[in-house]
Amino acid sequence: VVIHAAGNKNIGFCEKHPDDAFRANCEAAINVAYTFGTIARIIYL
């Protein structure tokens, strides 16, 4: 099982740095889903 609780939840930072926010909150989630999706259950927070 993968519990994916990582990401940048700092709203002020994310609004000022959308590229960094996308990397932390989208690209990371995509990589976790793609890599672990066939070998583990994933819980995404």
All heavy atoms as atom14 arrays in JSON, in Angstrom:
{
  "sequence": "VVIHAAGNKNIGFCEKHPDDAFRANCEAAINVAYTFGTIARIIYL",
  "atom14_mask": [
    [1, 1, 1, 1, 1, 1, 1, 0, 0, 0, 0, 0, 0, 0],
    [1, 1, 1, 1, 1, 1, 1, 0, 0, 0, 0, 0, 0, 0],
    [1, 1, 1, 1, 1, 1, 1, 1, 0, 0, 0, 0, 0, 0],
    [1, 1, 1, 1, 1, 1, 1, 1, 1, 1, 0, 0, 0, 0],
    [1, 1, 1, 1, 1, 0, 0, 0, 0, 0, 0, 0, 0, 0],
    [1, 1, 1, 1, 1, 0, 0, 0, 0, 0, 0, 0, 0, 0],
    [1, 1, 1, 1, 0, 0, 0, 0, 0, 0, 0, 0, 0, 0],
    [1, 1, 1, 1, 1, 1, 1, 1, 0, 0, 0, 0, 0, 0],
    [1, 1, 1, 1, 1, 1, 1, 1, 1, 0, 0, 0, 0, 0],
    [1, 1, 1, 1, 1, 1, 1, 1, 0, 0, 0, 0, 0, 0],
    [1, 1, 1, 1, 1, 1, 1, 1, 0, 0, 0, 0, 0, 0],
    [1, 1, 1, 1, 0, 0, 0, 0, 0, 0, 0, 0, 0, 0],
    [1, 1, 1, 1, 1, 1, 1, 1, 1, 1, 1, 0, 0, 0],
    [1, 1, 1, 1, 1, 1, 0, 0, 0, 0, 0, 0, 0, 0],
    [1, 1, 1, 1, 1, 1, 1, 1, 1, 0, 0, 0, 0, 0],
    [1, 1, 1, 1, 1, 1, 1, 1, 1, 0, 0, 0, 0, 0],
    [1, 1, 1, 1, 1, 1, 1, 1, 1, 1, 0, 0, 0, 0],
    [1, 1, 1, 1, 1, 1, 1, 0, 0, 0, 0, 0, 0, 0],
    [1, 1, 1, 1, 1, 1, 1, 1, 0, 0, 0, 0, 0, 0],
    [1, 1, 1, 1, 1, 1, 1, 1, 0, 0, 0, 0, 0, 0],
    [1, 1, 1, 1, 1, 0, 0, 0, 0, 0, 0, 0, 0, 0],
    [1, 1, 1, 1, 1, 1, 1, 1, 1, 1, 1, 0, 0, 0],
    [1, 1, 1, 1, 1, 1, 1, 1, 1, 1, 1, 0, 0, 0],
    [1, 1, 1, 1, 1, 0, 0, 0, 0, 0, 0, 0, 0, 0],
    [1, 1, 1, 1, 1, 1, 1, 1, 0, 0, 0, 0, 0, 0],
    [1, 1, 1, 1, 1, 1, 0, 0, 0, 0, 0, 0, 0, 0],
    [1, 1, 1, 1, 1, 1, 1, 1, 1, 0, 0, 0, 0, 0],
    [1, 1, 1, 1, 1, 0, 0, 0, 0, 0, 0, 0, 0, 0],
    [1, 1, 1, 1, 1, 0, 0, 0, 0, 0, 0, 0, 0, 0],
    [1, 1, 1, 1, 1, 1, 1, 1, 0, 0, 0, 0, 0, 0],
    [1, 1, 1, 1, 1, 1, 1, 1, 0, 0, 0, 0, 0, 0],
    [1, 1, 1, 1, 1, 1, 1, 0, 0, 0, 0, 0, 0, 0],
    [1, 1, 1, 1, 1, 0, 0, 0, 0, 0, 0, 0, 0, 0],
    [1, 1, 1, 1, 1, 1, 1, 1, 1, 1, 1, 1, 0, 0],
    [1, 1, 1, 1, 1, 1, 1, 0, 0, 0, 0, 0, 0, 0],
    [1, 1, 1, 1, 1, 1, 1, 1, 1, 1, 1, 0, 0, 0],
    [1, 1, 1, 1, 0, 0, 0, 0, 0, 0, 0, 0, 0, 0],
    [1, 1, 1, 1, 1, 1, 1, 0, 0, 0, 0, 0, 0, 0],
    [1, 1, 1, 1, 1, 1, 1, 1, 0, 0, 0, 0, 0, 0],
    [1, 1, 1, 1, 1, 0, 0, 0, 0, 0, 0, 0, 0, 0],
    [1, 1, 1, 1, 1, 1, 1, 1, 1, 1, 1, 0, 0, 0],
    [1, 1, 1, 1, 1, 1, 1, 1, 0, 0, 0, 0, 0, 0],
    [1, 1, 1, 1, 1, 1, 1, 1, 0, 0, 0, 0, 0, 0],
    [1, 1, 1, 1, 1, 1, 1, 1, 1, 1, 1, 1, 0, 0],
    [1, 1, 1, 1, 1, 1, 1, 1, 0, 0, 0, 0, 0, 0]
  ],
  "atom14_positions": [
    [[0.85, -1.2, 0.0], [0.0, 0.0, 0.0], [0.88, 1.24, 0.0], [1.9, 1.28, 0.69], [-0.92, 0.04, 1.25], [-1.7, 1.33, 1.33], [-1.85, -1.16, 1.28], [0.0, 0.0, 0.0], [0.0, 0.0, 0.0], [0.0, 0.0, 0.0], [0.0, 0.0, 0.0], [0.0, 0.0, 0.0], [0.0, 0.0, 0.0], [0.0, 0.0, 0.0]],
    [[0.48, 2.24, -0.77], [1.14, 3.55, -0.74], [0.12, 4.55, -0.24], [-0.98, 4.65, -0.79], [1.63, 3.97, -2.14], [2.21, 5.39, -2.09], [2.66, 2.99, -2.68], [0.0, 0.0, 0.0], [0.0, 0.0, 0.0], [0.0, 0.0, 0.0], [0.0, 0.0, 0.0], [0.0, 0.0, 0.0], [0.0, 0.0, 0.0], [0.0, 0.0, 0.0]],
    [[0.46, 5.28, 0.8], [-0.36, 6.4, 1.26], [0.38, 7.66, 0.81], [1.45, 7.98, 1.32], [-0.56, 6.38, 2.78], [-1.23, 5.08, 3.21], [-1.38, 7.61, 3.21], [-1.36, 4.92, 4.71], [0.0, 0.0, 0.0], [0.0, 0.0, 0.0], [0.0, 0.0, 0.0], [0.0, 0.0, 0.0], [0.0, 0.0, 0.0], [0.0, 0.0, 0.0]],
    [[-0.2, 8.33, -0.19], [0.46, 9.5, -0.77], [-0.08, 10.76, -0.11], [-1.13, 11.28, -0.47], [0.23, 9.53, -2.29], [0.93, 10.65, -2.97], [2.28, 10.88, -2.83], [0.47, 11.61, -3.8], [2.62, 11.94, -3.54], [1.53, 12.4, -4.13], [0.0, 0.0, 0.0], [0.0, 0.0, 0.0], [0.0, 0.0, 0.0], [0.0, 0.0, 0.0]],
    [[0.66, 11.22, 0.89], [0.28, 12.43, 1.63], [1.24, 13.58, 1.35], [1.14, 14.63, 1.97], [0.25, 12.13, 3.13], [0.0, 0.0, 0.0], [0.0, 0.0, 0.0], [0.0, 0.0, 0.0], [0.0, 0.0, 0.0], [0.0, 0.0, 0.0], [0.0, 0.0, 0.0], [0.0, 0.0, 0.0], [0.0, 0.0, 0.0], [0.0, 0.0, 0.0]],
    [[2.15, 13.39, 0.4], [3.14, 14.42, 0.08], [2.53, 15.49, -0.81], [1.58, 15.25, -1.55], [4.34, 13.79, -0.63], [0.0, 0.0, 0.0], [0.0, 0.0, 0.0], [0.0, 0.0, 0.0], [0.0, 0.0, 0.0], [0.0, 0.0, 0.0], [0.0, 0.0, 0.0], [0.0, 0.0, 0.0], [0.0, 0.0, 0.0], [0.0, 0.0, 0.0]],
    [[3.09, 16.66, -0.74], [2.66, 17.77, -1.58], [2.89, 19.08, -0.85], [3.19, 19.08, 0.34], [0.0, 0.0, 0.0], [0.0, 0.0, 0.0], [0.0, 0.0, 0.0], [0.0, 0.0, 0.0], [0.0, 0.0, 0.0], [0.0, 0.0, 0.0], [0.0, 0.0, 0.0], [0.0, 0.0, 0.0], [0.0, 0.0, 0.0], [0.0, 0.0, 0.0]],
    [[2.77, 20.16, -1.56], [2.92, 21.47, -0.95], [1.53, 22.04, -0.7], [0.82, 22.38, -1.63], [3.74, 22.41, -1.84], [4.12, 23.68, -1.13], [3.39, 24.17, -0.28], [5.29, 24.2, -1.45], [0.0, 0.0, 0.0], [0.0, 0.0, 0.0], [0.0, 0.0, 0.0], [0.0, 0.0, 0.0], [0.0, 0.0, 0.0], [0.0, 0.0, 0.0]],
    [[1.16, 22.12, 0.57], [-0.17, 22.6, 0.94], [-0.18, 24.07, 1.32], [-1.2, 24.6, 1.74], [-0.71, 21.78, 2.12], [-1.32, 20.44, 1.77], [-0.36, 19.49, 1.22], [-0.91, 18.07, 1.15], [0.07, 17.14, 0.67], [0.0, 0.0, 0.0], [0.0, 0.0, 0.0], [0.0, 0.0, 0.0], [0.0, 0.0, 0.0], [0.0, 0.0, 0.0]],
    [[0.95, 24.76, 1.18], [1.04, 26.17, 1.53], [0.4, 26.99, 0.4], [1.0, 27.21, -0.64], [2.51, 26.56, 1.72], [2.68, 28.0, 2.12], [1.93, 28.88, 1.69], [3.7, 28.27, 2.91], [0.0, 0.0, 0.0], [0.0, 0.0, 0.0], [0.0, 0.0, 0.0], [0.0, 0.0, 0.0], [0.0, 0.0, 0.0], [0.0, 0.0, 0.0]],
    [[-0.82, 27.43, 0.61], [-1.6, 28.1, -0.42], [-0.9, 29.36, -0.93], [-0.83, 29.6, -2.13], [-3.02, 28.44, 0.09], [-3.77, 27.17, 0.51], [-3.82, 29.2, -0.97], [-3.89, 26.12, -0.56], [0.0, 0.0, 0.0], [0.0, 0.0, 0.0], [0.0, 0.0, 0.0], [0.0, 0.0, 0.0], [0.0, 0.0, 0.0], [0.0, 0.0, 0.0]],
    [[-0.38, 30.16, -0.03], [0.31, 31.38, -0.43], [1.5, 31.09, -1.33], [1.69, 31.74, -2.37], [0.0, 0.0, 0.0], [0.0, 0.0, 0.0], [0.0, 0.0, 0.0], [0.0, 0.0, 0.0], [0.0, 0.0, 0.0], [0.0, 0.0, 0.0], [0.0, 0.0, 0.0], [0.0, 0.0, 0.0], [0.0, 0.0, 0.0], [0.0, 0.0, 0.0]],
    [[2.3, 30.1, -0.95], [3.45, 29.71, -1.77], [2.99, 29.2, -3.13], [3.54, 29.57, -4.17], [4.28, 28.64, -1.06], [5.43, 28.15, -1.9], [6.65, 28.8, -1.86], [5.28, 27.05, -2.73], [7.71, 28.36, -2.64], [6.34, 26.6, -3.52], [7.56, 27.26, -3.47], [0.0, 0.0, 0.0], [0.0, 0.0, 0.0], [0.0, 0.0, 0.0]],
    [[1.99, 28.34, -3.14], [1.5, 27.75, -4.39], [0.95, 28.81, -5.34], [1.16, 28.72, -6.56], [0.45, 26.69, -4.1], [1.14, 25.2, -3.33], [0.0, 0.0, 0.0], [0.0, 0.0, 0.0], [0.0, 0.0, 0.0], [0.0, 0.0, 0.0], [0.0, 0.0, 0.0], [0.0, 0.0, 0.0], [0.0, 0.0, 0.0], [0.0, 0.0, 0.0]],
    [[0.27, 29.81, -4.81], [-0.26, 30.87, -5.66], [0.86, 31.72, -6.25], [0.76, 32.17, -7.39], [-1.24, 31.74, -4.87], [-2.55, 31.05, -4.59], [-3.51, 31.88, -3.77], [-3.06, 32.79, -3.03], [-4.72, 31.61, -3.84], [0.0, 0.0, 0.0], [0.0, 0.0, 0.0], [0.0, 0.0, 0.0], [0.0, 0.0, 0.0], [0.0, 0.0, 0.0]],
    [[1.93, 31.92, -5.5], [3.05, 32.73, -5.98], [4.02, 31.94, -6.85], [4.76, 32.53, -7.63], [3.8, 33.34, -4.8], [3.01, 34.4, -4.07], [3.76, 34.93, -2.87], [2.88, 35.91, -2.12], [3.44, 36.29, -0.83], [0.0, 0.0, 0.0], [0.0, 0.0, 0.0], [0.0, 0.0, 0.0], [0.0, 0.0, 0.0], [0.0, 0.0, 0.0]],
    [[4.04, 30.62, -6.7], [4.98, 29.76, -7.42], [4.22, 28.6, -8.08], [4.37, 27.44, -7.68], [6.04, 29.21, -6.47], [6.8, 30.26, -5.75], [6.44, 30.72, -4.51], [7.9, 30.97, -6.12], [7.29, 31.66, -4.13], [8.18, 31.84, -5.09], [0.0, 0.0, 0.0], [0.0, 0.0, 0.0], [0.0, 0.0, 0.0], [0.0, 0.0, 0.0]],
    [[3.42, 28.89, -9.09], [2.58, 27.84, -9.69], [3.37, 26.69, -10.31], [2.91, 25.54, -10.27], [1.76, 28.58, -10.74], [2.49, 29.85, -11.0], [3.2, 30.18, -9.74], [0.0, 0.0, 0.0], [0.0, 0.0, 0.0], [0.0, 0.0, 0.0], [0.0, 0.0, 0.0], [0.0, 0.0, 0.0], [0.0, 0.0, 0.0], [0.0, 0.0, 0.0]],
    [[4.55, 26.94, -10.84], [5.35, 25.86, -11.42], [5.83, 24.89, -10.33], [5.78, 23.67, -10.51], [6.55, 26.4, -12.2], [6.14, 27.12, -13.46], [5.0, 26.9, -13.95], [6.95, 27.92, -13.98], [0.0, 0.0, 0.0], [0.0, 0.0, 0.0], [0.0, 0.0, 0.0], [0.0, 0.0, 0.0], [0.0, 0.0, 0.0], [0.0, 0.0, 0.0]],
    [[6.29, 25.44, -9.21], [6.71, 24.6, -8.09], [5.52, 23.84, -7.51], [5.64, 22.67, -7.13], [7.36, 25.44, -6.99], [8.69, 26.03, -7.42], [9.38, 25.41, -8.27], [9.05, 27.11, -6.92], [0.0, 0.0, 0.0], [0.0, 0.0, 0.0], [0.0, 0.0, 0.0], [0.0, 0.0, 0.0], [0.0, 0.0, 0.0], [0.0, 0.0, 0.0]],
    [[4.37, 24.5, -7.43], [3.17, 23.85, -6.92], [2.74, 22.7, -7.82], [2.38, 21.62, -7.34], [2.03, 24.87, -6.8], [0.0, 0.0, 0.0], [0.0, 0.0, 0.0], [0.0, 0.0, 0.0], [0.0, 0.0, 0.0], [0.0, 0.0, 0.0], [0.0, 0.0, 0.0], [0.0, 0.0, 0.0], [0.0, 0.0, 0.0], [0.0, 0.0, 0.0]],
    [[2.81, 22.91, -9.13], [2.46, 21.85, -10.08], [3.4, 20.67, -9.93], [2.97, 19.52, -9.91], [2.5, 22.39, -11.51], [2.05, 21.39, -12.53], [0.7, 21.19, -12.78], [2.97, 20.62, -13.23], [0.27, 20.26, -13.7], [2.55, 19.69, -14.16], [1.2, 19.49, -14.4], [0.0, 0.0, 0.0], [0.0, 0.0, 0.0], [0.0, 0.0, 0.0]],
    [[4.67, 20.95, -9.78], [5.66, 19.88, -9.63], [5.41, 19.07, -8.36], [5.4, 17.84, -8.38], [7.05, 20.52, -9.6], [8.19, 19.55, -9.53], [9.52, 20.27, -9.76], [10.64, 19.47, -9.36], [11.13, 18.44, -10.04], [10.56, 18.09, -11.17], [12.15, 17.75, -9.6], [0.0, 0.0, 0.0], [0.0, 0.0, 0.0], [0.0, 0.0, 0.0]],
    [[5.17, 19.75, -7.25], [4.98, 19.07, -5.96], [3.63, 18.37, -5.86], [3.53, 17.29, -5.28], [5.12, 20.08, -4.82], [0.0, 0.0, 0.0], [0.0, 0.0, 0.0], [0.0, 0.0, 0.0], [0.0, 0.0, 0.0], [0.0, 0.0, 0.0], [0.0, 0.0, 0.0], [0.0, 0.0, 0.0], [0.0, 0.0, 0.0], [0.0, 0.0, 0.0]],
    [[2.59, 18.98, -6.42], [1.24, 18.45, -6.21], [0.7, 17.63, -7.38], [-0.17, 16.78, -7.17], [0.29, 19.6, -5.9], [0.66, 20.29, -4.61], [1.0, 19.65, -3.63], [0.64, 21.6, -4.62], [0.0, 0.0, 0.0], [0.0, 0.0, 0.0], [0.0, 0.0, 0.0], [0.0, 0.0, 0.0], [0.0, 0.0, 0.0], [0.0, 0.0, 0.0]],
    [[1.18, 17.87, -8.57], [0.68, 17.14, -9.74], [1.68, 16.12, -10.25], [1.37, 14.93, -10.34], [0.3, 18.1, -10.86], [-1.04, 19.21, -10.4], [0.0, 0.0, 0.0], [0.0, 0.0, 0.0], [0.0, 0.0, 0.0], [0.0, 0.0, 0.0], [0.0, 0.0, 0.0], [0.0, 0.0, 0.0], [0.0, 0.0, 0.0], [0.0, 0.0, 0.0]],
    [[2.88, 16.58, -10.6], [3.87, 15.66, -11.14], [4.2, 14.55, -10.16], [4.33, 13.39, -10.55], [5.13, 16.41, -11.56], [4.93, 17.24, -12.81], [6.18, 18.0, -13.23], [7.28, 17.69, -12.73], [6.05, 18.9, -14.07], [0.0, 0.0, 0.0], [0.0, 0.0, 0.0], [0.0, 0.0, 0.0], [0.0, 0.0, 0.0], [0.0, 0.0, 0.0]],
    [[4.33, 14.87, -8.9], [4.63, 13.85, -7.89], [3.5, 12.82, -7.81], [3.75, 11.62, -7.78], [4.86, 14.5, -6.53], [0.0, 0.0, 0.0], [0.0, 0.0, 0.0], [0.0, 0.0, 0.0], [0.0, 0.0, 0.0], [0.0, 0.0, 0.0], [0.0, 0.0, 0.0], [0.0, 0.0, 0.0], [0.0, 0.0, 0.0], [0.0, 0.0, 0.0]],
    [[2.26, 13.29, -7.8], [1.11, 12.37, -7.72], [1.03, 11.48, -8.97], [0.74, 10.29, -8.87], [-0.19, 13.15, -7.54], [0.0, 0.0, 0.0], [0.0, 0.0, 0.0], [0.0, 0.0, 0.0], [0.0, 0.0, 0.0], [0.0, 0.0, 0.0], [0.0, 0.0, 0.0], [0.0, 0.0, 0.0], [0.0, 0.0, 0.0], [0.0, 0.0, 0.0]],
    [[1.31, 12.06, -10.13], [1.3, 11.29, -11.38], [2.38, 10.21, -11.32], [2.12, 9.04, -11.66], [1.52, 12.22, -12.59], [0.27, 13.07, -12.81], [1.88, 11.42, -13.84], [0.49, 14.23, -13.77], [0.0, 0.0, 0.0], [0.0, 0.0, 0.0], [0.0, 0.0, 0.0], [0.0, 0.0, 0.0], [0.0, 0.0, 0.0], [0.0, 0.0, 0.0]],
    [[3.57, 10.56, -10.87], [4.66, 9.59, -10.79], [4.35, 8.47, -9.8], [4.62, 7.29, -10.08], [5.97, 10.27, -10.41], [6.51, 11.14, -11.52], [6.19, 10.95, -12.69], [7.32, 12.11, -11.16], [0.0, 0.0, 0.0], [0.0, 0.0, 0.0], [0.0, 0.0, 0.0], [0.0, 0.0, 0.0], [0.0, 0.0, 0.0], [0.0, 0.0, 0.0]],
    [[3.79, 8.81, -8.67], [3.42, 7.79, -7.69], [2.35, 6.86, -8.26], [2.46, 5.64, -8.17], [2.96, 8.43, -6.36], [2.3, 7.42, -5.45], [4.14, 9.11, -5.67], [0.0, 0.0, 0.0], [0.0, 0.0, 0.0], [0.0, 0.0, 0.0], [0.0, 0.0, 0.0], [0.0, 0.0, 0.0], [0.0, 0.0, 0.0], [0.0, 0.0, 0.0]],
    [[1.33, 7.43, -8.87], [0.26, 6.62, -9.44], [0.77, 5.72, -10.56], [0.44, 4.53, -10.62], [-0.86, 7.52, -9.96], [0.0, 0.0, 0.0], [0.0, 0.0, 0.0], [0.0, 0.0, 0.0], [0.0, 0.0, 0.0], [0.0, 0.0, 0.0], [0.0, 0.0, 0.0], [0.0, 0.0, 0.0], [0.0, 0.0, 0.0], [0.0, 0.0, 0.0]],
    [[1.56, 6.27, -11.44], [2.07, 5.52, -12.59], [3.01, 4.39, -12.13], [2.91, 3.26, -12.6], [2.81, 6.45, -13.54], [3.35, 5.76, -14.76], [2.5, 5.4, -15.81], [4.7, 5.44, -14.87], [3.0, 4.74, -16.93], [5.2, 4.78, -15.97], [4.34, 4.43, -17.01], [4.83, 3.77, -18.1], [0.0, 0.0, 0.0], [0.0, 0.0, 0.0]],
    [[3.89, 4.69, -11.2], [4.89, 3.72, -10.77], [4.32, 2.64, -9.86], [4.63, 1.46, -10.01], [6.06, 4.44, -10.06], [6.6, 5.41, -10.96], [7.13, 3.46, -9.65], [0.0, 0.0, 0.0], [0.0, 0.0, 0.0], [0.0, 0.0, 0.0], [0.0, 0.0, 0.0], [0.0, 0.0, 0.0], [0.0, 0.0, 0.0], [0.0, 0.0, 0.0]],
    [[3.48, 3.02, -8.91], [2.99, 2.07, -7.93], [1.62, 1.49, -8.28], [1.18, 0.54, -7.66], [2.92, 2.72, -6.55], [4.26, 3.01, -5.95], [4.8, 4.28, -6.0], [5.0, 2.01, -5.34], [6.03, 4.56, -5.45], [6.24, 2.27, -4.78], [6.77, 3.55, -4.84], [0.0, 0.0, 0.0], [0.0, 0.0, 0.0], [0.0, 0.0, 0.0]],
    [[0.95, 2.06, -9.28], [-0.42, 1.66, -9.6], [-0.62, 0.2, -9.94], [-1.69, -0.35, -9.72], [0.0, 0.0, 0.0], [0.0, 0.0, 0.0], [0.0, 0.0, 0.0], [0.0, 0.0, 0.0], [0.0, 0.0, 0.0], [0.0, 0.0, 0.0], [0.0, 0.0, 0.0], [0.0, 0.0, 0.0], [0.0, 0.0, 0.0], [0.0, 0.0, 0.0]],
    [[0.4, -0.45, -10.46], [0.28, -1.86, -10.83], [0.81, -2.8, -9.76], [0.61, -4.01, -9.85], [1.02, -2.16, -12.15], [2.4, -1.83, -11.99], [0.42, -1.35, -13.29], [0.0, 0.0, 0.0], [0.0, 0.0, 0.0], [0.0, 0.0, 0.0], [0.0, 0.0, 0.0], [0.0, 0.0, 0.0], [0.0, 0.0, 0.0], [0.0, 0.0, 0.0]],
    [[1.49, -2.26, -8.73], [2.09, -3.14, -7.72], [1.53, -2.94, -6.32], [1.81, -3.73, -5.43], [3.62, -2.98, -7.69], [4.04, -1.57, -7.3], [4.24, -3.39, -9.02], [5.52, -1.4, -7.03], [0.0, 0.0, 0.0], [0.0, 0.0, 0.0], [0.0, 0.0, 0.0], [0.0, 0.0, 0.0], [0.0, 0.0, 0.0], [0.0, 0.0, 0.0]],
    [[0.77, -1.88, -6.11], [0.27, -1.58, -4.76], [-1.06, -0.85, -4.82], [-1.41, -0.24, -5.83], [1.29, -0.71, -4.01], [0.0, 0.0, 0.0], [0.0, 0.0, 0.0], [0.0, 0.0, 0.0], [0.0, 0.0, 0.0], [0.0, 0.0, 0.0], [0.0, 0.0, 0.0], [0.0, 0.0, 0.0], [0.0, 0.0, 0.0], [0.0, 0.0, 0.0]],
    [[-1.78, -0.92, -3.74], [-2.97, -0.08, -3.59], [-2.48, 1.31, -3.23], [-1.51, 1.46, -2.49], [-3.86, -0.6, -2.46], [-4.39, -1.97, -2.7], [-5.79, -1.86, -3.11], [-6.34, -3.19, -3.24], [-7.45, -3.42, -3.86], [-8.13, -2.42, -4.36], [-7.9, -4.63, -3.98], [0.0, 0.0, 0.0], [0.0, 0.0, 0.0], [0.0, 0.0, 0.0]],
    [[-3.17, 2.34, -3.73], [-2.76, 3.72, -3.45], [-3.9, 4.46, -2.77], [-5.03, 4.44, -3.24], [-2.36, 4.46, -4.75], [-1.19, 3.75, -5.42], [-2.01, 5.91, -4.44], [-0.85, 4.31, -6.79], [0.0, 0.0, 0.0], [0.0, 0.0, 0.0], [0.0, 0.0, 0.0], [0.0, 0.0, 0.0], [0.0, 0.0, 0.0], [0.0, 0.0, 0.0]],
    [[-3.54, 5.12, -1.68], [-4.47, 6.02, -0.99], [-3.89, 7.41, -1.17], [-2.74, 7.67, -0.8], [-4.58, 5.67, 0.5], [-5.11, 4.25, 0.68], [-5.46, 6.7, 1.22], [-5.02, 3.73, 2.1], [0.0, 0.0, 0.0], [0.0, 0.0, 0.0], [0.0, 0.0, 0.0], [0.0, 0.0, 0.0], [0.0, 0.0, 0.0], [0.0, 0.0, 0.0]],
    [[-4.68, 8.3, -1.77], [-4.21, 9.65, -2.06], [-4.93, 10.65, -1.18], [-6.16, 10.67, -1.13], [-4.46, 9.97, -3.55], [-4.13, 11.38, -3.94], [-2.81, 11.82, -3.96], [-5.13, 12.28, -4.27], [-2.5, 13.12, -4.33], [-4.82, 13.59, -4.64], [-3.5, 13.99, -4.66], [-3.2, 15.28, -5.02], [0.0, 0.0, 0.0], [0.0, 0.0, 0.0]],
    [[-4.16, 11.47, -0.48], [-4.72, 12.51, 0.36], [-4.44, 13.86, -0.28], [-3.35, 14.1, -0.77], [-4.1, 12.48, 1.75], [-4.23, 11.16, 2.52], [-3.47, 11.24, 3.82], [-5.68, 10.83, 2.76], [0.0, 0.0, 0.0], [0.0, 0.0, 0.0], [0.0, 0.0, 0.0], [0.0, 0.0, 0.0], [0.0, 0.0, 0.0], [0.0, 0.0, 0.0]]
  ]
}
